[in-house]
N, C-alpha and C. Protein backbone atom coordinates (compact mmCIF):
# COMPACT_ATOMS: atom_id res chain seq x y z
N MET A 1 12.75 -3.58 -34.26
CA MET A 1 12.60 -2.16 -34.60
C MET A 1 13.98 -1.56 -34.85
N ALA A 2 14.11 -0.84 -35.94
CA ALA A 2 15.38 -0.24 -36.32
C ALA A 2 15.76 0.86 -35.34
N GLU A 3 17.07 1.15 -35.26
CA GLU A 3 17.54 2.16 -34.33
C GLU A 3 16.91 3.52 -34.61
N LYS A 4 16.74 3.85 -35.89
CA LYS A 4 16.13 5.12 -36.27
C LYS A 4 14.67 5.18 -35.80
N ASP A 5 13.97 4.06 -35.92
CA ASP A 5 12.57 4.01 -35.49
C ASP A 5 12.44 4.11 -33.97
N ILE A 6 13.39 3.48 -33.27
CA ILE A 6 13.39 3.56 -31.81
C ILE A 6 13.59 5.00 -31.35
N SER A 7 14.54 5.68 -32.00
CA SER A 7 14.81 7.08 -31.64
C SER A 7 13.59 7.95 -31.89
N ARG A 8 12.89 7.72 -32.99
CA ARG A 8 11.69 8.51 -33.31
C ARG A 8 10.60 8.22 -32.28
N TYR A 9 10.44 6.95 -31.91
CA TYR A 9 9.42 6.58 -30.93
C TYR A 9 9.69 7.24 -29.59
N LEU A 10 10.95 7.21 -29.14
CA LEU A 10 11.29 7.80 -27.85
C LEU A 10 11.07 9.31 -27.86
N ARG A 11 11.39 9.95 -28.98
CA ARG A 11 11.20 11.40 -29.08
C ARG A 11 9.72 11.75 -29.05
N GLN A 12 8.91 10.96 -29.76
CA GLN A 12 7.47 11.21 -29.79
C GLN A 12 6.85 10.99 -28.40
N SER A 13 7.33 9.94 -27.70
CA SER A 13 6.82 9.66 -26.37
C SER A 13 7.16 10.80 -25.42
N HIS A 14 8.36 11.34 -25.56
CA HIS A 14 8.80 12.45 -24.72
C HIS A 14 8.01 13.71 -25.05
N ASP A 15 7.81 13.96 -26.33
CA ASP A 15 7.06 15.15 -26.75
C ASP A 15 5.63 15.12 -26.25
N ARG A 16 5.07 13.93 -26.14
CA ARG A 16 3.69 13.78 -25.70
C ARG A 16 3.49 14.34 -24.30
N VAL A 17 4.50 14.19 -23.44
CA VAL A 17 4.42 14.70 -22.07
C VAL A 17 4.22 16.21 -22.09
N PHE A 18 4.99 16.91 -22.92
CA PHE A 18 4.89 18.36 -22.98
C PHE A 18 3.57 18.81 -23.62
N GLU A 19 3.08 18.03 -24.57
CA GLU A 19 1.78 18.33 -25.17
C GLU A 19 0.67 18.23 -24.14
N HIS A 20 0.72 17.18 -23.35
CA HIS A 20 -0.29 17.01 -22.30
C HIS A 20 -0.17 18.09 -21.24
N ASN A 21 1.06 18.49 -20.95
CA ASN A 21 1.27 19.55 -19.97
C ASN A 21 0.65 20.86 -20.44
N LYS A 22 0.84 21.19 -21.70
CA LYS A 22 0.26 22.41 -22.24
C LYS A 22 -1.26 22.37 -22.21
N ALA A 23 -1.81 21.21 -22.54
CA ALA A 23 -3.27 21.06 -22.54
C ALA A 23 -3.81 21.17 -21.12
N TRP A 24 -3.11 20.56 -20.15
CA TRP A 24 -3.54 20.62 -18.75
C TRP A 24 -3.48 22.06 -18.23
N ALA A 25 -2.39 22.77 -18.53
CA ALA A 25 -2.24 24.14 -18.07
C ALA A 25 -3.32 25.04 -18.65
N ALA A 26 -3.62 24.84 -19.94
CA ALA A 26 -4.65 25.64 -20.60
C ALA A 26 -6.02 25.37 -20.00
N GLU A 27 -6.28 24.09 -19.70
CA GLU A 27 -7.58 23.72 -19.12
C GLU A 27 -7.75 24.32 -17.73
N LYS A 28 -6.69 24.26 -16.91
CA LYS A 28 -6.76 24.81 -15.57
C LYS A 28 -6.97 26.32 -15.61
N LYS A 29 -6.27 27.00 -16.50
CA LYS A 29 -6.38 28.45 -16.58
C LYS A 29 -7.74 28.87 -17.09
N ALA A 30 -8.30 28.07 -18.00
CA ALA A 30 -9.62 28.40 -18.54
C ALA A 30 -10.71 28.24 -17.48
N SER A 31 -10.58 27.23 -16.64
CA SER A 31 -11.60 26.99 -15.62
C SER A 31 -11.43 27.89 -14.41
N ASP A 32 -10.19 28.33 -14.17
CA ASP A 32 -9.90 29.21 -13.03
C ASP A 32 -8.72 30.11 -13.39
N PRO A 33 -8.97 31.34 -13.81
CA PRO A 33 -7.89 32.24 -14.22
C PRO A 33 -6.84 32.49 -13.14
N ASP A 34 -7.22 32.30 -11.86
CA ASP A 34 -6.28 32.54 -10.77
C ASP A 34 -5.60 31.28 -10.26
N PHE A 35 -5.81 30.17 -10.97
CA PHE A 35 -5.32 28.88 -10.49
C PHE A 35 -3.82 28.90 -10.22
N PHE A 36 -3.03 29.32 -11.18
CA PHE A 36 -1.58 29.28 -11.03
C PHE A 36 -1.06 30.39 -10.11
N THR A 37 -1.78 31.49 -10.04
CA THR A 37 -1.41 32.54 -9.08
C THR A 37 -1.56 32.01 -7.66
N ASN A 38 -2.68 31.34 -7.41
CA ASN A 38 -2.91 30.76 -6.09
C ASN A 38 -1.94 29.62 -5.79
N LEU A 39 -1.63 28.83 -6.83
CA LEU A 39 -0.73 27.69 -6.66
C LEU A 39 0.68 28.15 -6.29
N SER A 40 1.11 29.25 -6.88
CA SER A 40 2.46 29.74 -6.63
C SER A 40 2.58 30.46 -5.29
N ALA A 41 1.45 30.76 -4.65
CA ALA A 41 1.47 31.51 -3.38
C ALA A 41 1.97 30.67 -2.21
N GLY A 42 1.96 29.34 -2.35
CA GLY A 42 2.42 28.46 -1.28
C GLY A 42 1.52 27.24 -1.16
N GLN A 43 1.91 26.33 -0.28
CA GLN A 43 1.13 25.10 -0.11
C GLN A 43 0.72 24.91 1.34
N SER A 44 -0.49 24.37 1.50
CA SER A 44 -0.98 24.00 2.83
C SER A 44 -1.82 22.74 2.68
N PRO A 45 -1.18 21.62 2.31
CA PRO A 45 -1.92 20.38 2.06
C PRO A 45 -2.54 19.80 3.32
N GLU A 46 -3.66 19.13 3.14
CA GLU A 46 -4.32 18.44 4.24
C GLU A 46 -3.68 17.08 4.50
N TYR A 47 -3.10 16.50 3.44
CA TYR A 47 -2.62 15.12 3.51
C TYR A 47 -1.12 15.01 3.27
N LEU A 48 -0.50 14.08 3.98
CA LEU A 48 0.79 13.53 3.59
C LEU A 48 0.50 12.13 3.09
N TRP A 49 0.87 11.86 1.86
CA TRP A 49 0.63 10.56 1.22
C TRP A 49 1.95 9.81 1.13
N ILE A 50 2.03 8.66 1.76
CA ILE A 50 3.21 7.81 1.67
C ILE A 50 2.80 6.56 0.90
N GLY A 51 3.25 6.46 -0.34
CA GLY A 51 2.79 5.38 -1.21
C GLY A 51 3.93 4.62 -1.85
N CYS A 52 3.56 3.63 -2.64
CA CYS A 52 4.53 2.83 -3.37
C CYS A 52 4.94 3.56 -4.65
N SER A 53 6.16 3.31 -5.10
CA SER A 53 6.67 3.95 -6.32
C SER A 53 6.03 3.38 -7.59
N ASP A 54 5.23 2.35 -7.46
CA ASP A 54 4.58 1.73 -8.63
C ASP A 54 3.95 2.80 -9.52
N SER A 55 4.28 2.77 -10.81
CA SER A 55 3.86 3.81 -11.75
C SER A 55 2.36 3.82 -12.01
N ARG A 56 1.66 2.79 -11.58
CA ARG A 56 0.22 2.69 -11.88
C ARG A 56 -0.67 3.31 -10.81
N ILE A 57 -0.05 3.92 -9.78
CA ILE A 57 -0.86 4.42 -8.66
C ILE A 57 -0.55 5.89 -8.39
N PRO A 58 -1.02 6.78 -9.25
CA PRO A 58 -0.83 8.22 -9.00
C PRO A 58 -1.80 8.70 -7.92
N ALA A 59 -1.27 9.22 -6.83
CA ALA A 59 -2.09 9.55 -5.66
C ALA A 59 -3.25 10.48 -6.01
N GLU A 60 -2.95 11.57 -6.75
CA GLU A 60 -3.99 12.55 -7.02
C GLU A 60 -5.11 11.98 -7.90
N GLN A 61 -4.75 11.19 -8.89
CA GLN A 61 -5.76 10.68 -9.81
C GLN A 61 -6.71 9.68 -9.17
N ILE A 62 -6.20 8.81 -8.31
CA ILE A 62 -7.08 7.80 -7.73
C ILE A 62 -7.90 8.34 -6.57
N THR A 63 -7.54 9.52 -6.06
CA THR A 63 -8.28 10.10 -4.94
C THR A 63 -9.09 11.33 -5.33
N GLY A 64 -8.82 11.89 -6.50
CA GLY A 64 -9.50 13.11 -6.90
C GLY A 64 -8.93 14.36 -6.25
N LEU A 65 -7.78 14.23 -5.61
CA LEU A 65 -7.15 15.40 -4.98
C LEU A 65 -6.56 16.31 -6.05
N GLU A 66 -6.51 17.59 -5.75
CA GLU A 66 -5.98 18.59 -6.67
C GLU A 66 -4.55 18.96 -6.27
N PRO A 67 -3.81 19.60 -7.18
CA PRO A 67 -2.49 20.09 -6.80
C PRO A 67 -2.58 20.97 -5.56
N GLY A 68 -1.71 20.71 -4.60
CA GLY A 68 -1.74 21.46 -3.35
C GLY A 68 -2.47 20.76 -2.23
N ASP A 69 -3.19 19.66 -2.55
CA ASP A 69 -3.95 18.94 -1.52
C ASP A 69 -3.14 17.90 -0.77
N ALA A 70 -2.07 17.38 -1.42
CA ALA A 70 -1.31 16.29 -0.81
C ALA A 70 0.19 16.49 -1.00
N PHE A 71 0.91 16.30 0.08
CA PHE A 71 2.38 16.25 0.05
C PHE A 71 2.71 14.78 -0.13
N VAL A 72 3.51 14.42 -1.13
CA VAL A 72 3.63 13.02 -1.54
C VAL A 72 5.05 12.49 -1.39
N HIS A 73 5.16 11.32 -0.79
CA HIS A 73 6.43 10.59 -0.71
C HIS A 73 6.16 9.17 -1.18
N ARG A 74 7.02 8.67 -2.08
CA ARG A 74 6.84 7.32 -2.59
C ARG A 74 8.16 6.57 -2.59
N ASN A 75 8.09 5.28 -2.29
CA ASN A 75 9.26 4.41 -2.40
C ASN A 75 8.78 2.98 -2.62
N ILE A 76 9.71 2.07 -2.84
CA ILE A 76 9.33 0.68 -3.08
C ILE A 76 8.64 0.10 -1.85
N ALA A 77 7.39 -0.32 -2.05
CA ALA A 77 6.58 -0.99 -1.02
C ALA A 77 6.19 -0.06 0.13
N ASN A 78 6.15 1.25 -0.14
CA ASN A 78 5.64 2.24 0.83
C ASN A 78 6.16 2.01 2.25
N LEU A 79 7.48 1.94 2.37
CA LEU A 79 8.09 1.70 3.67
C LEU A 79 8.39 3.00 4.41
N VAL A 80 8.34 2.93 5.74
CA VAL A 80 8.71 4.05 6.60
C VAL A 80 9.79 3.54 7.54
N CYS A 81 11.04 3.77 7.17
CA CYS A 81 12.18 3.26 7.94
C CYS A 81 12.84 4.40 8.70
N ASN A 82 13.13 4.18 9.95
CA ASN A 82 13.69 5.27 10.75
C ASN A 82 15.10 5.65 10.33
N THR A 83 15.75 4.79 9.54
CA THR A 83 17.08 5.11 9.03
C THR A 83 17.04 5.76 7.64
N ASP A 84 15.86 5.88 7.08
CA ASP A 84 15.70 6.50 5.77
C ASP A 84 15.52 8.01 5.97
N LEU A 85 16.58 8.77 5.77
CA LEU A 85 16.53 10.21 6.01
C LEU A 85 15.56 10.91 5.08
N ASN A 86 15.35 10.36 3.91
CA ASN A 86 14.38 10.94 2.98
C ASN A 86 12.98 10.89 3.59
N ALA A 87 12.55 9.69 3.98
CA ALA A 87 11.21 9.53 4.56
C ALA A 87 11.06 10.33 5.85
N MET A 88 12.07 10.28 6.71
CA MET A 88 12.00 11.01 7.98
C MET A 88 11.93 12.52 7.75
N SER A 89 12.66 13.01 6.76
CA SER A 89 12.63 14.44 6.44
C SER A 89 11.26 14.85 5.91
N VAL A 90 10.69 14.00 5.07
CA VAL A 90 9.36 14.29 4.52
C VAL A 90 8.32 14.36 5.64
N ILE A 91 8.34 13.39 6.54
CA ILE A 91 7.37 13.38 7.64
C ILE A 91 7.56 14.60 8.53
N THR A 92 8.81 14.91 8.86
CA THR A 92 9.08 16.07 9.72
C THR A 92 8.61 17.36 9.08
N TYR A 93 8.91 17.54 7.81
CA TYR A 93 8.50 18.77 7.12
C TYR A 93 6.99 18.86 7.02
N ALA A 94 6.36 17.74 6.67
CA ALA A 94 4.90 17.74 6.49
C ALA A 94 4.18 18.04 7.80
N VAL A 95 4.68 17.49 8.89
CA VAL A 95 4.01 17.65 10.19
C VAL A 95 4.34 18.98 10.84
N GLN A 96 5.62 19.31 10.90
CA GLN A 96 6.03 20.50 11.65
C GLN A 96 5.87 21.80 10.88
N HIS A 97 6.01 21.76 9.57
CA HIS A 97 5.97 23.00 8.78
C HIS A 97 4.68 23.16 7.97
N LEU A 98 4.23 22.05 7.35
CA LEU A 98 3.00 22.14 6.55
C LEU A 98 1.75 21.91 7.39
N LYS A 99 1.92 21.34 8.58
CA LYS A 99 0.80 21.10 9.50
C LYS A 99 -0.29 20.23 8.87
N VAL A 100 0.11 19.14 8.22
CA VAL A 100 -0.88 18.25 7.61
C VAL A 100 -1.78 17.67 8.69
N LYS A 101 -3.02 17.43 8.30
CA LYS A 101 -4.01 16.91 9.25
C LYS A 101 -4.12 15.38 9.19
N HIS A 102 -3.72 14.81 8.07
CA HIS A 102 -3.82 13.37 7.88
C HIS A 102 -2.54 12.84 7.24
N ILE A 103 -2.10 11.67 7.69
CA ILE A 103 -1.00 10.96 7.04
C ILE A 103 -1.54 9.62 6.58
N VAL A 104 -1.46 9.38 5.27
CA VAL A 104 -1.96 8.15 4.68
C VAL A 104 -0.79 7.29 4.21
N VAL A 105 -0.72 6.06 4.71
CA VAL A 105 0.20 5.08 4.15
C VAL A 105 -0.64 4.21 3.24
N CYS A 106 -0.32 4.22 1.94
CA CYS A 106 -1.14 3.48 0.97
C CYS A 106 -0.30 2.44 0.23
N GLY A 107 -0.66 1.19 0.43
CA GLY A 107 -0.05 0.10 -0.32
C GLY A 107 -0.96 -0.33 -1.45
N HIS A 108 -0.61 -1.41 -2.11
CA HIS A 108 -1.49 -1.92 -3.17
C HIS A 108 -1.33 -3.43 -3.29
N TYR A 109 -2.43 -4.08 -3.59
CA TYR A 109 -2.40 -5.53 -3.77
C TYR A 109 -1.54 -5.88 -4.99
N GLY A 110 -0.89 -7.02 -4.91
CA GLY A 110 0.00 -7.42 -5.99
C GLY A 110 1.30 -6.64 -6.01
N CYS A 111 1.70 -6.10 -4.87
CA CYS A 111 2.91 -5.27 -4.79
C CYS A 111 4.15 -6.10 -5.12
N GLY A 112 4.92 -5.64 -6.10
CA GLY A 112 6.12 -6.35 -6.50
C GLY A 112 7.18 -6.38 -5.41
N GLY A 113 7.25 -5.31 -4.62
CA GLY A 113 8.20 -5.27 -3.53
C GLY A 113 7.90 -6.32 -2.48
N VAL A 114 6.62 -6.48 -2.17
CA VAL A 114 6.22 -7.50 -1.19
C VAL A 114 6.51 -8.89 -1.72
N LYS A 115 6.21 -9.12 -2.99
CA LYS A 115 6.47 -10.43 -3.59
C LYS A 115 7.97 -10.72 -3.62
N ALA A 116 8.76 -9.70 -3.97
CA ALA A 116 10.22 -9.88 -4.01
C ALA A 116 10.77 -10.22 -2.63
N ALA A 117 10.19 -9.61 -1.60
CA ALA A 117 10.65 -9.86 -0.24
C ALA A 117 10.41 -11.30 0.18
N MET A 118 9.41 -11.94 -0.43
CA MET A 118 9.09 -13.31 -0.08
C MET A 118 9.78 -14.32 -0.98
N THR A 119 10.71 -13.82 -1.81
CA THR A 119 11.46 -14.70 -2.69
C THR A 119 12.76 -15.11 -2.01
N ALA A 120 13.01 -16.39 -1.94
CA ALA A 120 14.23 -16.89 -1.31
C ALA A 120 15.38 -16.74 -2.31
N LYS A 121 15.82 -15.52 -2.48
CA LYS A 121 16.83 -15.22 -3.50
C LYS A 121 17.61 -13.98 -3.10
N ASP A 122 18.90 -13.99 -3.40
CA ASP A 122 19.74 -12.82 -3.15
C ASP A 122 19.41 -11.76 -4.19
N LEU A 123 18.89 -10.62 -3.74
CA LEU A 123 18.50 -9.55 -4.64
C LEU A 123 19.43 -8.35 -4.57
N GLY A 124 20.65 -8.59 -4.11
CA GLY A 124 21.67 -7.56 -4.14
C GLY A 124 21.33 -6.36 -3.27
N ILE A 125 21.42 -5.17 -3.86
CA ILE A 125 21.23 -3.92 -3.12
C ILE A 125 19.82 -3.82 -2.54
N LEU A 126 18.88 -4.60 -3.09
CA LEU A 126 17.51 -4.57 -2.57
C LEU A 126 17.37 -5.31 -1.24
N ASN A 127 18.33 -6.16 -0.91
CA ASN A 127 18.21 -6.99 0.30
C ASN A 127 17.93 -6.19 1.57
N PRO A 128 18.73 -5.17 1.90
CA PRO A 128 18.46 -4.45 3.16
C PRO A 128 17.13 -3.72 3.17
N TRP A 129 16.67 -3.27 1.98
CA TRP A 129 15.38 -2.58 1.90
C TRP A 129 14.24 -3.56 2.10
N LEU A 130 14.31 -4.68 1.39
CA LEU A 130 13.24 -5.66 1.46
C LEU A 130 13.21 -6.40 2.80
N ARG A 131 14.30 -6.36 3.53
CA ARG A 131 14.32 -7.02 4.83
C ARG A 131 13.27 -6.42 5.77
N ASN A 132 12.94 -5.15 5.57
CA ASN A 132 11.90 -4.53 6.38
C ASN A 132 10.55 -5.23 6.18
N ILE A 133 10.30 -5.67 4.97
CA ILE A 133 9.06 -6.41 4.70
C ILE A 133 9.15 -7.82 5.26
N ARG A 134 10.32 -8.42 5.13
CA ARG A 134 10.51 -9.76 5.69
C ARG A 134 10.34 -9.73 7.20
N ASP A 135 10.73 -8.64 7.83
CA ASP A 135 10.53 -8.50 9.27
C ASP A 135 9.04 -8.46 9.61
N VAL A 136 8.23 -7.84 8.73
CA VAL A 136 6.78 -7.82 8.95
C VAL A 136 6.23 -9.25 8.87
N TYR A 137 6.74 -10.01 7.91
CA TYR A 137 6.33 -11.41 7.80
C TYR A 137 6.69 -12.16 9.09
N ARG A 138 7.89 -11.94 9.59
CA ARG A 138 8.32 -12.62 10.81
C ARG A 138 7.40 -12.30 11.98
N LEU A 139 6.96 -11.05 12.08
CA LEU A 139 6.08 -10.65 13.17
C LEU A 139 4.71 -11.31 13.08
N HIS A 140 4.30 -11.65 11.87
CA HIS A 140 2.95 -12.21 11.66
C HIS A 140 3.04 -13.58 10.99
N GLU A 141 4.11 -14.30 11.25
CA GLU A 141 4.38 -15.56 10.57
C GLU A 141 3.27 -16.58 10.75
N LYS A 142 2.77 -16.71 11.97
CA LYS A 142 1.75 -17.72 12.24
C LYS A 142 0.49 -17.46 11.44
N GLU A 143 0.03 -16.20 11.42
CA GLU A 143 -1.18 -15.87 10.67
C GLU A 143 -0.97 -16.09 9.17
N LEU A 144 0.15 -15.64 8.65
CA LEU A 144 0.39 -15.73 7.22
C LEU A 144 0.57 -17.17 6.75
N ASP A 145 1.30 -17.97 7.52
CA ASP A 145 1.53 -19.36 7.12
C ASP A 145 0.25 -20.19 7.15
N ALA A 146 -0.74 -19.70 7.87
CA ALA A 146 -2.03 -20.42 7.94
C ALA A 146 -2.87 -20.17 6.68
N ILE A 147 -2.48 -19.20 5.86
CA ILE A 147 -3.21 -18.90 4.62
C ILE A 147 -2.65 -19.75 3.50
N GLU A 148 -3.42 -20.69 3.01
CA GLU A 148 -2.92 -21.66 2.03
C GLU A 148 -2.75 -21.05 0.64
N ASP A 149 -3.69 -20.21 0.24
CA ASP A 149 -3.62 -19.61 -1.09
C ASP A 149 -2.49 -18.59 -1.15
N GLU A 150 -1.57 -18.75 -2.09
CA GLU A 150 -0.37 -17.90 -2.15
C GLU A 150 -0.72 -16.44 -2.41
N GLU A 151 -1.64 -16.18 -3.34
CA GLU A 151 -2.02 -14.80 -3.64
C GLU A 151 -2.68 -14.14 -2.44
N ALA A 152 -3.54 -14.87 -1.77
CA ALA A 152 -4.20 -14.33 -0.58
C ALA A 152 -3.18 -14.04 0.52
N ARG A 153 -2.15 -14.90 0.62
CA ARG A 153 -1.11 -14.67 1.62
C ARG A 153 -0.33 -13.40 1.31
N TYR A 154 0.01 -13.20 0.04
CA TYR A 154 0.72 -11.98 -0.36
C TYR A 154 -0.13 -10.75 -0.08
N ASN A 155 -1.41 -10.83 -0.42
CA ASN A 155 -2.30 -9.68 -0.22
C ASN A 155 -2.46 -9.35 1.27
N ARG A 156 -2.49 -10.38 2.08
CA ARG A 156 -2.58 -10.12 3.53
C ARG A 156 -1.28 -9.48 4.03
N LEU A 157 -0.15 -9.91 3.48
CA LEU A 157 1.11 -9.30 3.87
C LEU A 157 1.16 -7.84 3.43
N VAL A 158 0.57 -7.53 2.27
CA VAL A 158 0.47 -6.13 1.84
C VAL A 158 -0.25 -5.32 2.91
N GLU A 159 -1.38 -5.84 3.40
CA GLU A 159 -2.14 -5.13 4.43
C GLU A 159 -1.36 -5.00 5.73
N LEU A 160 -0.73 -6.07 6.15
CA LEU A 160 0.04 -6.04 7.39
C LEU A 160 1.24 -5.10 7.28
N ASN A 161 1.83 -5.04 6.09
CA ASN A 161 2.94 -4.12 5.86
C ASN A 161 2.48 -2.67 5.98
N VAL A 162 1.32 -2.36 5.43
CA VAL A 162 0.77 -1.01 5.55
C VAL A 162 0.56 -0.66 7.02
N ILE A 163 -0.03 -1.57 7.77
CA ILE A 163 -0.30 -1.32 9.19
C ILE A 163 1.00 -1.11 9.95
N GLU A 164 2.02 -1.91 9.63
CA GLU A 164 3.30 -1.78 10.32
C GLU A 164 3.98 -0.45 9.98
N GLN A 165 3.82 0.01 8.74
CA GLN A 165 4.41 1.30 8.36
C GLN A 165 3.64 2.45 9.04
N CYS A 166 2.34 2.28 9.22
CA CYS A 166 1.59 3.26 10.01
C CYS A 166 2.16 3.34 11.42
N ARG A 167 2.47 2.18 11.98
CA ARG A 167 3.05 2.15 13.32
C ARG A 167 4.40 2.86 13.34
N ASN A 168 5.18 2.70 12.29
CA ASN A 168 6.46 3.39 12.21
C ASN A 168 6.29 4.90 12.13
N VAL A 169 5.23 5.34 11.45
CA VAL A 169 4.94 6.78 11.40
C VAL A 169 4.60 7.28 12.80
N VAL A 170 3.79 6.51 13.50
CA VAL A 170 3.35 6.91 14.84
C VAL A 170 4.53 6.96 15.81
N LYS A 171 5.55 6.19 15.58
CA LYS A 171 6.72 6.18 16.45
C LYS A 171 7.54 7.47 16.37
N THR A 172 7.36 8.26 15.32
CA THR A 172 8.20 9.45 15.14
C THR A 172 7.84 10.55 16.14
N ALA A 173 8.86 11.28 16.55
CA ALA A 173 8.67 12.33 17.56
C ALA A 173 7.73 13.42 17.06
N GLY A 174 7.91 13.84 15.81
CA GLY A 174 7.10 14.93 15.27
C GLY A 174 5.62 14.63 15.28
N VAL A 175 5.25 13.41 14.90
CA VAL A 175 3.84 13.03 14.88
C VAL A 175 3.29 12.98 16.30
N GLN A 176 4.01 12.37 17.22
CA GLN A 176 3.55 12.28 18.61
C GLN A 176 3.39 13.66 19.24
N GLN A 177 4.36 14.52 19.04
CA GLN A 177 4.31 15.84 19.65
C GLN A 177 3.21 16.71 19.04
N SER A 178 3.05 16.63 17.71
CA SER A 178 2.00 17.42 17.07
C SER A 178 0.62 16.97 17.53
N TYR A 179 0.43 15.65 17.65
CA TYR A 179 -0.88 15.15 18.08
C TYR A 179 -1.17 15.56 19.51
N ALA A 180 -0.15 15.53 20.37
CA ALA A 180 -0.34 15.93 21.77
C ALA A 180 -0.72 17.41 21.87
N GLN A 181 -0.18 18.22 21.00
CA GLN A 181 -0.43 19.65 21.04
C GLN A 181 -1.65 20.09 20.25
N ASN A 182 -1.90 19.42 19.12
CA ASN A 182 -2.92 19.91 18.18
C ASN A 182 -4.05 18.94 17.87
N SER A 183 -3.93 17.70 18.34
CA SER A 183 -4.89 16.63 18.00
C SER A 183 -4.84 16.25 16.52
N PHE A 184 -3.77 16.53 15.87
CA PHE A 184 -3.50 16.07 14.50
C PHE A 184 -1.98 16.01 14.33
N PRO A 185 -1.52 15.19 13.36
CA PRO A 185 -2.25 14.49 12.30
C PRO A 185 -2.79 13.12 12.76
N ILE A 186 -3.76 12.64 12.03
CA ILE A 186 -4.29 11.29 12.20
C ILE A 186 -3.64 10.41 11.14
N VAL A 187 -3.25 9.20 11.53
CA VAL A 187 -2.59 8.28 10.60
C VAL A 187 -3.58 7.24 10.10
N HIS A 188 -3.57 7.01 8.79
CA HIS A 188 -4.50 6.07 8.15
C HIS A 188 -3.72 5.04 7.33
N GLY A 189 -4.28 3.84 7.21
CA GLY A 189 -3.70 2.80 6.36
C GLY A 189 -4.70 2.39 5.29
N TRP A 190 -4.32 2.54 4.02
CA TRP A 190 -5.19 2.20 2.90
C TRP A 190 -4.47 1.24 1.96
N VAL A 191 -5.26 0.51 1.16
CA VAL A 191 -4.70 -0.37 0.13
C VAL A 191 -5.49 -0.17 -1.15
N PHE A 192 -4.77 -0.02 -2.26
CA PHE A 192 -5.39 0.16 -3.57
C PHE A 192 -5.47 -1.19 -4.28
N GLY A 193 -6.62 -1.44 -4.93
CA GLY A 193 -6.81 -2.68 -5.68
C GLY A 193 -6.85 -2.43 -7.17
N PHE A 194 -6.01 -3.12 -7.92
CA PHE A 194 -6.01 -2.96 -9.38
C PHE A 194 -7.26 -3.54 -10.03
N ASN A 195 -7.85 -4.55 -9.41
CA ASN A 195 -8.99 -5.23 -10.02
C ASN A 195 -10.20 -4.32 -10.17
N ASP A 196 -10.40 -3.43 -9.19
CA ASP A 196 -11.58 -2.56 -9.24
C ASP A 196 -11.25 -1.08 -9.12
N GLY A 197 -9.97 -0.76 -8.88
CA GLY A 197 -9.58 0.64 -8.79
C GLY A 197 -10.00 1.32 -7.49
N LEU A 198 -10.41 0.53 -6.51
CA LEU A 198 -10.92 1.10 -5.26
C LEU A 198 -9.87 1.05 -4.14
N LEU A 199 -9.99 2.02 -3.25
CA LEU A 199 -9.16 2.06 -2.05
C LEU A 199 -9.88 1.35 -0.91
N LYS A 200 -9.14 0.53 -0.18
CA LYS A 200 -9.68 -0.14 1.00
C LYS A 200 -9.10 0.51 2.24
N ASP A 201 -9.95 0.96 3.12
CA ASP A 201 -9.53 1.54 4.39
C ASP A 201 -9.33 0.41 5.40
N LEU A 202 -8.11 0.24 5.88
CA LEU A 202 -7.83 -0.82 6.84
C LEU A 202 -8.28 -0.45 8.25
N LYS A 203 -8.82 0.75 8.38
CA LYS A 203 -9.39 1.22 9.65
C LYS A 203 -8.39 1.08 10.80
N VAL A 204 -7.23 1.63 10.57
CA VAL A 204 -6.19 1.63 11.61
C VAL A 204 -6.69 2.41 12.82
N ASP A 205 -6.59 1.82 13.98
CA ASP A 205 -6.97 2.49 15.23
C ASP A 205 -5.80 3.37 15.67
N PHE A 206 -5.75 4.58 15.15
CA PHE A 206 -4.61 5.46 15.39
C PHE A 206 -4.39 5.74 16.87
N GLU A 207 -5.44 6.12 17.56
CA GLU A 207 -5.29 6.46 18.98
C GLU A 207 -4.86 5.24 19.80
N GLY A 208 -5.44 4.09 19.48
CA GLY A 208 -5.06 2.87 20.17
C GLY A 208 -3.62 2.48 19.89
N MET A 209 -3.21 2.64 18.62
CA MET A 209 -1.84 2.34 18.23
C MET A 209 -0.87 3.28 18.94
N LEU A 210 -1.22 4.56 18.99
CA LEU A 210 -0.37 5.55 19.66
C LEU A 210 -0.21 5.20 21.14
N LYS A 211 -1.30 4.84 21.78
CA LYS A 211 -1.25 4.49 23.20
C LYS A 211 -0.38 3.26 23.43
N ASP A 212 -0.50 2.27 22.55
CA ASP A 212 0.26 1.03 22.71
C ASP A 212 1.77 1.25 22.56
N ILE A 213 2.15 2.05 21.58
CA ILE A 213 3.59 2.19 21.32
C ILE A 213 4.28 3.13 22.30
N GLN A 214 3.50 3.99 22.95
CA GLN A 214 4.14 5.00 23.79
C GLN A 214 4.71 4.45 25.09
N LYS A 215 4.42 3.22 25.43
CA LYS A 215 5.08 2.59 26.57
C LYS A 215 6.58 2.56 26.34
N ILE A 216 6.98 2.35 25.09
CA ILE A 216 8.40 2.24 24.74
C ILE A 216 8.87 3.43 23.91
N TYR A 217 7.99 3.92 23.03
CA TYR A 217 8.40 4.95 22.05
C TYR A 217 7.84 6.34 22.36
N ASN A 218 7.56 6.62 23.61
CA ASN A 218 7.00 7.93 23.95
C ASN A 218 8.05 9.02 23.78
N LEU A 219 7.79 9.93 22.83
CA LEU A 219 8.74 11.00 22.54
C LEU A 219 8.08 12.37 22.67
N THR A 220 7.05 12.45 23.51
CA THR A 220 6.33 13.71 23.63
C THR A 220 6.97 14.68 24.61
N GLU A 221 7.89 14.20 25.41
CA GLU A 221 8.52 15.06 26.42
C GLU A 221 9.61 15.93 25.79
């Protein structure tokens, strides 16, 4: 493709975003004249969504949530690291200020971050980030190594990674203190499947998880 053609393609692709935005705004205003007035008044979302940065998994579209329903944080492989000030700030703001009732950690099968973490290769700046996933593998090494099919092993690691990130959410002081005072938020672990477009609820036992970790990570005082 010639340089001139590439430039035209990129401009058209960019213009398309604004065209869709205008159409979306017009549709919302037509169906609800007060939509943007209400939207600008403030937010009180029910959900904090912690998902993967993968471009194919837009939280609102796959769940049917509307603008204002979910406070969203995304990163590679939906990790919740206590040294990640971005993630910790999001959780603190969502819990203490927005008073979210649910926190969802959502992974997806075929996650590139999970696959990269299982690659015996130096990945440069990604190494310290992906080590968090490798640590999940280490914790569940016996179960995972018993799975002969490689794809099934990766998919199980996706699920275990989601559960471990839920546990990391539960370890935070804000979540523990809010639950002790208000009986919310509840933490959930879900996985999205590209094959059928459906969400799988891993049925994380939030109360049981909270009780287990508080022997060491009790921050309610």
